[in-house]
Structures are given as C-alpha cells and as structure tokens.
PDB file of all heavy atoms in Angstrom:
ATOM      1  N   ASN A   1     216.269  63.689  27.234  1.00  0.00           N
ATOM      2  CA  ASN A   1     214.764  63.935  27.601  1.00  0.00           C
ATOM      3  C   ASN A   1     214.232  63.159  28.713  1.00  0.00           C
ATOM      4  O   ASN A   1     213.209  63.621  29.405  1.00  0.00           O
ATOM      5  CB  ASN A   1     213.822  63.700  26.352  1.00  0.00           C
ATOM      6  CG  ASN A   1     214.156  64.854  25.325  1.00  0.00           C
ATOM      7  OD1 ASN A   1     214.114  66.010  25.582  1.00  0.00           O
ATOM      8  ND2 ASN A   1     214.310  64.473  24.172  1.00  0.00           N
ATOM      9  N   LEU A   2     214.770  62.016  29.024  1.00  0.00           N
ATOM     10  CA  LEU A   2     214.388  61.254  30.147  1.00  0.00           C
ATOM     11  C   LEU A   2     214.552  61.875  31.397  1.00  0.00           C
ATOM     12  O   LEU A   2     213.843  61.795  32.383  1.00  0.00           O
ATOM     13  CB  LEU A   2     215.018  59.852  30.094  1.00  0.00           C
ATOM     14  CG  LEU A   2     214.925  58.979  28.901  1.00  0.00           C
ATOM     15  CD1 LEU A   2     215.573  57.707  28.975  1.00  0.00           C
ATOM     16  CD2 LEU A   2     213.478  58.726  28.503  1.00  0.00           C
ATOM     17  N   LEU A   3     215.527  62.819  31.462  1.00  0.00           N
ATOM     18  CA  LEU A   3     215.928  63.553  32.671  1.00  0.00           C
ATOM     19  C   LEU A   3     214.886  64.624  32.968  1.00  0.00           C
ATOM     20  O   LEU A   3     214.452  64.928  34.109  1.00  0.00           O
ATOM     21  CB  LEU A   3     217.280  64.225  32.736  1.00  0.00           C
ATOM     22  CG  LEU A   3     218.466  63.159  32.556  1.00  0.00           C
ATOM     23  CD1 LEU A   3     219.754  63.901  32.475  1.00  0.00           C
ATOM     24  CD2 LEU A   3     218.365  62.128  33.699  1.00  0.00           C
ATOM     25  N   ARG A   4     214.401  65.182  31.947  1.00  0.00           N
ATOM     26  CA  ARG A   4     213.272  66.170  31.967  1.00  0.00           C
ATOM     27  C   ARG A   4     212.037  65.497  32.587  1.00  0.00           C
ATOM     28  O   ARG A   4     211.361  66.025  33.494  1.00  0.00           O
ATOM     29  CB  ARG A   4     212.903  66.785  30.744  1.00  0.00           C
ATOM     30  CG  ARG A   4     214.050  67.753  30.205  1.00  0.00           C
ATOM     31  CD  ARG A   4     213.550  68.393  28.885  1.00  0.00           C
ATOM     32  NE  ARG A   4     212.347  69.125  29.046  1.00  0.00           N
ATOM     33  CZ  ARG A   4     211.208  68.926  28.417  1.00  0.00           C
ATOM     34  NH1 ARG A   4     211.059  67.935  27.603  1.00  0.00           N
ATOM     35  NH2 ARG A   4     210.028  69.730  28.559  1.00  0.00           N
ATOM     36  N   VAL A   5     211.710  64.325  32.121  1.00  0.00           N
ATOM     37  CA  VAL A   5     210.662  63.584  32.652  1.00  0.00           C
ATOM     38  C   VAL A   5     210.844  63.219  34.133  1.00  0.00           C
ATOM     39  O   VAL A   5     209.873  63.345  35.007  1.00  0.00           O
ATOM     40  CB  VAL A   5     210.425  62.336  31.856  1.00  0.00           C
ATOM     41  CG1 VAL A   5     209.228  61.401  32.440  1.00  0.00           C
ATOM     42  CG2 VAL A   5     209.948  62.550  30.431  1.00  0.00           C
ATOM     43  N   PHE A   6     211.919  62.696  34.433  1.00  0.00           N
ATOM     44  CA  PHE A   6     212.308  62.388  35.842  1.00  0.00           C
ATOM     45  C   PHE A   6     212.098  63.592  36.812  1.00  0.00           C
ATOM     46  O   PHE A   6     211.559  63.424  37.847  1.00  0.00           O
ATOM     47  CB  PHE A   6     213.687  61.842  35.823  1.00  0.00           C
ATOM     48  CG  PHE A   6     214.332  61.640  37.250  1.00  0.00           C
ATOM     49  CD1 PHE A   6     213.916  60.583  37.973  1.00  0.00           C
ATOM     50  CD2 PHE A   6     215.300  62.504  37.801  1.00  0.00           C
ATOM     51  CE1 PHE A   6     214.318  60.457  39.300  1.00  0.00           C
ATOM     52  CE2 PHE A   6     215.758  62.337  39.017  1.00  0.00           C
ATOM     53  CZ  PHE A   6     215.335  61.314  39.838  1.00  0.00           C
ATOM     54  N   ASP A   7     212.671  64.688  36.336  1.00  0.00           N
ATOM     55  CA  ASP A   7     212.554  65.919  37.129  1.00  0.00           C
ATOM     56  C   ASP A   7     211.110  66.342  37.421  1.00  0.00           C
ATOM     57  O   ASP A   7     210.671  66.695  38.573  1.00  0.00           O
ATOM     58  CB  ASP A   7     213.327  67.026  36.480  1.00  0.00           C
ATOM     59  CG  ASP A   7     213.104  68.415  37.251  1.00  0.00           C
ATOM     60  OD1 ASP A   7     213.400  68.314  38.451  1.00  0.00           O
ATOM     61  OD2 ASP A   7     212.832  69.445  36.636  1.00  0.00           O
ATOM     62  N   GLU A   8     210.237  66.239  36.338  1.00  0.00           N
ATOM     63  CA  GLU A   8     208.813  66.562  36.560  1.00  0.00           C
ATOM     64  C   GLU A   8     208.094  65.673  37.433  1.00  0.00           C
ATOM     65  O   GLU A   8     207.277  66.052  38.283  1.00  0.00           O
ATOM     66  CB  GLU A   8     208.127  66.748  35.208  1.00  0.00           C
ATOM     67  CG  GLU A   8     206.864  67.506  35.110  1.00  0.00           C
ATOM     68  CD  GLU A   8     207.124  68.985  35.454  1.00  0.00           C
ATOM     69  OE1 GLU A   8     208.114  69.522  34.958  1.00  0.00           O
ATOM     70  OE2 GLU A   8     206.325  69.514  36.342  1.00  0.00           O
ATOM     71  N   VAL A   9     208.446  64.324  37.258  1.00  0.00           N
ATOM     72  CA  VAL A   9     207.794  63.308  38.130  1.00  0.00           C
ATOM     73  C   VAL A   9     208.178  63.562  39.652  1.00  0.00           C
ATOM     74  O   VAL A   9     207.417  63.444  40.543  1.00  0.00           O
ATOM     75  CB  VAL A   9     208.198  61.950  37.727  1.00  0.00           C
ATOM     76  CG1 VAL A   9     207.713  60.813  38.778  1.00  0.00           C
ATOM     77  CG2 VAL A   9     207.376  61.576  36.323  1.00  0.00           C
ATOM     78  N   MET A  10     209.531  63.841  39.809  1.00  0.00           N
ATOM     79  CA  MET A  10     209.941  64.010  41.151  1.00  0.00           C
ATOM     80  C   MET A  10     209.348  65.276  41.819  1.00  0.00           C
ATOM     81  O   MET A  10     209.053  65.363  43.014  1.00  0.00           O
ATOM     82  CB  MET A  10     211.525  64.129  41.140  1.00  0.00           C
ATOM     83  CG  MET A  10     212.207  62.860  40.913  1.00  0.00           C
ATOM     84  SD  MET A  10     211.948  61.668  42.188  1.00  0.00           S
ATOM     85  CE  MET A  10     212.911  62.461  43.513  1.00  0.00           C
ATOM     86  N   THR A  11     209.083  66.246  40.981  1.00  0.00           N
ATOM     87  CA  THR A  11     208.516  67.548  41.502  1.00  0.00           C
ATOM     88  C   THR A  11     206.944  67.289  41.815  1.00  0.00           C
ATOM     89  O   THR A  11     206.599  67.674  42.935  1.00  0.00           O
ATOM     90  CB  THR A  11     208.530  68.685  40.463  1.00  0.00           C
ATOM     91  OG1 THR A  11     209.930  68.928  40.118  1.00  0.00           O
ATOM     92  CG2 THR A  11     207.889  69.906  40.870  1.00  0.00           C
ATOM     93  N   GLU A  12     206.269  66.608  40.961  1.00  0.00           N
ATOM     94  CA  GLU A  12     204.756  66.384  41.126  1.00  0.00           C
ATOM     95  C   GLU A  12     204.473  65.277  42.030  1.00  0.00           C
ATOM     96  O   GLU A  12     203.341  65.285  42.681  1.00  0.00           O
ATOM     97  CB  GLU A  12     204.057  66.326  39.763  1.00  0.00           C
ATOM     98  CG  GLU A  12     204.207  67.567  38.946  1.00  0.00           C
ATOM     99  CD  GLU A  12     203.311  68.800  39.586  1.00  0.00           C
ATOM    100  OE1 GLU A  12     202.505  68.454  40.448  1.00  0.00           O
ATOM    101  OE2 GLU A  12     203.478  69.918  39.095  1.00  0.00           O
ATOM    102  N   ARG A  13     205.351  64.230  42.014  1.00  0.00           N
ATOM    103  CA  ARG A  13     205.065  62.943  42.776  1.00  0.00           C
ATOM    104  C   ARG A  13     203.709  62.357  42.230  1.00  0.00           C
ATOM    105  O   ARG A  13     202.997  61.701  42.898  1.00  0.00           O
ATOM    106  CB  ARG A  13     204.903  63.148  44.169  1.00  0.00           C
ATOM    107  CG  ARG A  13     206.166  63.700  44.952  1.00  0.00           C
ATOM    108  CD  ARG A  13     207.277  62.764  44.902  1.00  0.00           C
ATOM    109  NE  ARG A  13     208.224  62.955  45.906  1.00  0.00           N
ATOM    110  CZ  ARG A  13     209.406  63.819  45.866  1.00  0.00           C
ATOM    111  NH1 ARG A  13     209.594  64.433  44.604  1.00  0.00           N
ATOM    112  NH2 ARG A  13     210.246  63.956  46.853  1.00  0.00           N
ATOM    113  N   ASN A  14     203.374  62.669  40.971  1.00  0.00           N
ATOM    114  CA  ASN A  14     202.278  62.188  40.339  1.00  0.00           C
ATOM    115  C   ASN A  14     202.400  62.039  38.886  1.00  0.00           C
ATOM    116  O   ASN A  14     202.744  63.102  38.131  1.00  0.00           O
ATOM    117  CB  ASN A  14     201.103  63.062  40.724  1.00  0.00           C
ATOM    118  CG  ASN A  14     199.715  62.606  40.118  1.00  0.00           C
ATOM    119  OD1 ASN A  14     199.453  62.788  38.913  1.00  0.00           O
ATOM    120  ND2 ASN A  14     198.921  62.027  41.032  1.00  0.00           N
ATOM    121  N   LEU A  15     202.183  60.902  38.213  1.00  0.00           N
ATOM    122  CA  LEU A  15     202.484  60.782  36.782  1.00  0.00           C
ATOM    123  C   LEU A  15     201.504  61.540  35.907  1.00  0.00           C
ATOM    124  O   LEU A  15     201.838  62.073  34.822  1.00  0.00           O
ATOM    125  CB  LEU A  15     202.375  59.293  36.439  1.00  0.00           C
ATOM    126  CG  LEU A  15     203.435  58.322  37.159  1.00  0.00           C
ATOM    127  CD1 LEU A  15     203.255  56.874  36.533  1.00  0.00           C
ATOM    128  CD2 LEU A  15     204.788  58.890  36.993  1.00  0.00           C
ATOM    129  N   THR A  16     200.226  61.695  36.415  1.00  0.00           N
ATOM    130  CA  THR A  16     199.195  62.354  35.544  1.00  0.00           C
ATOM    131  C   THR A  16     199.557  63.838  35.473  1.00  0.00           C
ATOM    132  O   THR A  16     199.563  64.537  34.273  1.00  0.00           O
ATOM    133  CB  THR A  16     197.838  62.187  36.101  1.00  0.00           C
ATOM    134  OG1 THR A  16     197.529  60.766  36.069  1.00  0.00           O
ATOM    135  CG2 THR A  16     196.852  62.971  35.254  1.00  0.00           C
ATOM    136  N   ARG A  17     199.885  64.458  36.629  1.00  0.00           N
ATOM    137  CA  ARG A  17     200.315  65.866  36.688  1.00  0.00           C
ATOM    138  C   ARG A  17     201.499  66.111  35.862  1.00  0.00           C
ATOM    139  O   ARG A  17     201.642  67.095  35.178  1.00  0.00           O
ATOM    140  CB  ARG A  17     200.394  66.337  38.159  1.00  0.00           C
ATOM    141  CG  ARG A  17     198.990  66.514  38.898  1.00  0.00           C
ATOM    142  CD  ARG A  17     199.062  67.415  40.053  1.00  0.00           C
ATOM    143  NE  ARG A  17     200.137  66.843  40.974  1.00  0.00           N
ATOM    144  CZ  ARG A  17     199.770  66.063  41.985  1.00  0.00           C
ATOM    145  NH1 ARG A  17     198.461  65.619  42.223  1.00  0.00           N
ATOM    146  NH2 ARG A  17     200.581  65.654  42.861  1.00  0.00           N
ATOM    147  N   ALA A  18     202.503  65.288  36.039  1.00  0.00           N
ATOM    148  CA  ALA A  18     203.681  65.307  35.218  1.00  0.00           C
ATOM    149  C   ALA A  18     203.497  65.342  33.815  1.00  0.00           C
ATOM    150  O   ALA A  18     204.054  66.065  33.062  1.00  0.00           O
ATOM    151  CB  ALA A  18     204.659  64.273  35.794  1.00  0.00           C
ATOM    152  N   ALA A  19     202.608  64.369  33.343  1.00  0.00           N
ATOM    153  CA  ALA A  19     202.304  64.270  31.952  1.00  0.00           C
ATOM    154  C   ALA A  19     201.686  65.519  31.464  1.00  0.00           C
ATOM    155  O   ALA A  19     201.984  66.031  30.347  1.00  0.00           O
ATOM    156  CB  ALA A  19     201.410  63.026  31.740  1.00  0.00           C
ATOM    157  N   ASN A  20     200.735  66.089  32.145  1.00  0.00           N
ATOM    158  CA  ASN A  20     200.018  67.362  31.747  1.00  0.00           C
ATOM    159  C   ASN A  20     201.136  68.526  31.655  1.00  0.00           C
ATOM    160  O   ASN A  20     201.118  69.260  30.720  1.00  0.00           O
ATOM    161  CB  ASN A  20     199.046  67.697  32.788  1.00  0.00           C
ATOM    162  CG  ASN A  20     197.768  66.764  32.734  1.00  0.00           C
ATOM    163  OD1 ASN A  20     197.520  66.131  31.709  1.00  0.00           O
ATOM    164  ND2 ASN A  20     197.050  66.676  33.847  1.00  0.00           N
ATOM    165  N   ASN A  21     201.951  68.593  32.654  1.00  0.00           N
ATOM    166  CA  ASN A  21     203.002  69.705  32.650  1.00  0.00           C
ATOM    167  C   ASN A  21     203.952  69.537  31.378  1.00  0.00           C
ATOM    168  O   ASN A  21     204.372  70.617  30.843  1.00  0.00           O
ATOM    169  CB  ASN A  21     203.830  69.684  33.952  1.00  0.00           C
ATOM    170  CG  ASN A  21     202.898  70.047  35.169  1.00  0.00           C
ATOM    171  OD1 ASN A  21     201.784  70.648  34.940  1.00  0.00           O
ATOM    172  ND2 ASN A  21     203.472  69.663  36.254  1.00  0.00           N
ATOM    173  N   LEU A  22     204.165  68.410  30.956  1.00  0.00           N
ATOM    174  CA  LEU A  22     205.167  68.097  29.925  1.00  0.00           C
ATOM    175  C   LEU A  22     204.431  67.983  28.506  1.00  0.00           C
ATOM    176  O   LEU A  22     205.045  67.773  27.537  1.00  0.00           O
ATOM    177  CB  LEU A  22     205.841  66.766  30.130  1.00  0.00           C
ATOM    178  CG  LEU A  22     206.900  66.708  31.401  1.00  0.00           C
ATOM    179  CD1 LEU A  22     207.236  65.411  31.715  1.00  0.00           C
ATOM    180  CD2 LEU A  22     208.131  67.614  31.038  1.00  0.00           C
ATOM    181  N   ALA A  23     203.194  68.099  28.513  1.00  0.00           N
ATOM    182  CA  ALA A  23     202.296  67.982  27.352  1.00  0.00           C
ATOM    183  C   ALA A  23     202.634  66.617  26.718  1.00  0.00           C
ATOM    184  O   ALA A  23     202.711  66.362  25.478  1.00  0.00           O
ATOM    185  CB  ALA A  23     202.648  69.048  26.274  1.00  0.00           C
ATOM    186  N   MET A  24     202.592  65.641  27.507  1.00  0.00           N
ATOM    187  CA  MET A  24     202.770  64.149  27.162  1.00  0.00           C
ATOM    188  C   MET A  24     201.544  63.341  27.675  1.00  0.00           C
ATOM    189  O   MET A  24     200.808  63.815  28.505  1.00  0.00           O
ATOM    190  CB  MET A  24     204.065  63.637  27.663  1.00  0.00           C
ATOM    191  CG  MET A  24     205.277  64.305  27.280  1.00  0.00           C
ATOM    192  SD  MET A  24     206.763  63.743  28.180  1.00  0.00           S
ATOM    193  CE  MET A  24     206.906  61.902  27.734  1.00  0.00           C
ATOM    194  N   THR A  25     201.399  62.119  27.176  1.00  0.00           N
ATOM    195  CA  THR A  25     200.400  61.187  27.698  1.00  0.00           C
ATOM    196  C   THR A  25     200.996  60.521  28.887  1.00  0.00           C
ATOM    197  O   THR A  25     202.276  60.386  29.080  1.00  0.00           O
ATOM    198  CB  THR A  25     200.019  60.215  26.727  1.00  0.00           C
ATOM    199  OG1 THR A  25     201.102  59.388  26.318  1.00  0.00           O
ATOM    200  CG2 THR A  25     199.534  60.852  25.461  1.00  0.00           C
ATOM    201  N   GLN A  26     200.175  60.038  29.763  1.00  0.00           N
ATOM    202  CA  GLN A  26     200.615  59.393  30.819  1.00  0.00           C
ATOM    203  C   GLN A  26     201.494  58.018  30.485  1.00  0.00           C
ATOM    204  O   GLN A  26     202.519  57.771  31.132  1.00  0.00           O
ATOM    205  CB  GLN A  26     199.540  58.968  31.869  1.00  0.00           C
ATOM    206  CG  GLN A  26     200.063  58.342  33.143  1.00  0.00           C
ATOM    207  CD  GLN A  26     198.934  58.058  34.193  1.00  0.00           C
ATOM    208  OE1 GLN A  26     198.041  58.800  34.332  1.00  0.00           O
ATOM    209  NE2 GLN A  26     199.102  56.930  34.978  1.00  0.00           N
ATOM    210  N   PRO A  27     200.974  57.282  29.499  1.00  0.00           N
ATOM    211  CA  PRO A  27     201.737  56.087  29.100  1.00  0.00           C
ATOM    212  C   PRO A  27     203.180  56.511  28.653  1.00  0.00           C
ATOM    213  O   PRO A  27     204.115  55.742  28.828  1.00  0.00           O
ATOM    214  CB  PRO A  27     200.778  55.438  27.951  1.00  0.00           C
ATOM    215  CG  PRO A  27     199.501  55.910  28.358  1.00  0.00           C
ATOM    216  CD  PRO A  27     199.638  57.215  28.864  1.00  0.00           C
ATOM    217  N   ALA A  28     203.195  57.645  28.012  1.00  0.00           N
ATOM    218  CA  ALA A  28     204.540  58.114  27.417  1.00  0.00           C
ATOM    219  C   ALA A  28     205.536  58.426  28.704  1.00  0.00           C
ATOM    220  O   ALA A  28     206.683  58.202  28.567  1.00  0.00           O
ATOM    221  CB  ALA A  28     204.422  59.304  26.572  1.00  0.00           C
ATOM    222  N   VAL A  29     204.910  58.993  29.723  1.00  0.00           N
ATOM    223  CA  VAL A  29     205.778  59.271  30.879  1.00  0.00           C
ATOM    224  C   VAL A  29     206.135  58.032  31.564  1.00  0.00           C
ATOM    225  O   VAL A  29     207.318  57.787  31.958  1.00  0.00           O
ATOM    226  CB  VAL A  29     204.907  60.178  31.895  1.00  0.00           C
ATOM    227  CG1 VAL A  29     205.614  60.232  33.233  1.00  0.00           C
ATOM    228  CG2 VAL A  29     204.897  61.608  31.389  1.00  0.00           C
ATOM    229  N   SER A  30     205.176  57.066  31.772  1.00  0.00           N
ATOM    230  CA  SER A  30     205.578  55.673  32.321  1.00  0.00           C
ATOM    231  C   SER A  30     206.627  55.023  31.487  1.00  0.00           C
ATOM    232  O   SER A  30     207.605  54.364  32.009  1.00  0.00           O
ATOM    233  CB  SER A  30     204.292  54.858  32.355  1.00  0.00           C
ATOM    234  OG  SER A  30     203.410  55.434  33.208  1.00  0.00           O
ATOM    235  N   ASN A  31     206.570  55.190  30.126  1.00  0.00           N
ATOM    236  CA  ASN A  31     207.594  54.495  29.178  1.00  0.00           C
ATOM    237  C   ASN A  31     208.890  55.161  29.426  1.00  0.00           C
ATOM    238  O   ASN A  31     209.941  54.521  29.485  1.00  0.00           O
ATOM    239  CB  ASN A  31     207.059  54.562  27.775  1.00  0.00           C
ATOM    240  CG  ASN A  31     208.222  53.884  26.907  1.00  0.00           C
ATOM    241  OD1 ASN A  31     208.377  52.684  27.009  1.00  0.00           O
ATOM    242  ND2 ASN A  31     208.687  54.640  25.969  1.00  0.00           N
ATOM    243  N   ALA A  32     208.893  56.529  29.562  1.00  0.00           N
ATOM    244  CA  ALA A  32     210.280  57.169  29.832  1.00  0.00           C
ATOM    245  C   ALA A  32     210.864  56.767  31.151  1.00  0.00           C
ATOM    246  O   ALA A  32     212.072  56.557  31.194  1.00  0.00           O
ATOM    247  CB  ALA A  32     210.010  58.781  29.774  1.00  0.00           C
ATOM    248  N   LEU A  33     210.117  56.538  32.175  1.00  0.00           N
ATOM    249  CA  LEU A  33     210.678  56.226  33.444  1.00  0.00           C
ATOM    250  C   LEU A  33     211.168  54.797  33.259  1.00  0.00           C
ATOM    251  O   LEU A  33     212.164  54.421  33.890  1.00  0.00           O
ATOM    252  CB  LEU A  33     209.574  56.214  34.540  1.00  0.00           C
ATOM    253  CG  LEU A  33     209.177  57.597  35.032  1.00  0.00           C
ATOM    254  CD1 LEU A  33     208.036  57.553  36.019  1.00  0.00           C
ATOM    255  CD2 LEU A  33     210.320  58.242  35.755  1.00  0.00           C
TER     256      LEU A  33
END
C-alpha cells in the first residue's frame, strides 16, 4: 500500500491532494512516506 501512496504523491507533487485522492488524511500520507 505504501507504493500506492508513493505513486499518488509523485503524480500530484502535493501531499494534501494525494491524501484527498486516496481518501486518507495528510498525516497518514506523511506516515506512509
């Protein structure tokens, strides 16, 4: 699942947008990274 987060962050270049696309919180995305 960490790779899904990585892919979304690389696509958006923004943690907030990546979190929204993944239906996650920004802290959860930061923790996954």
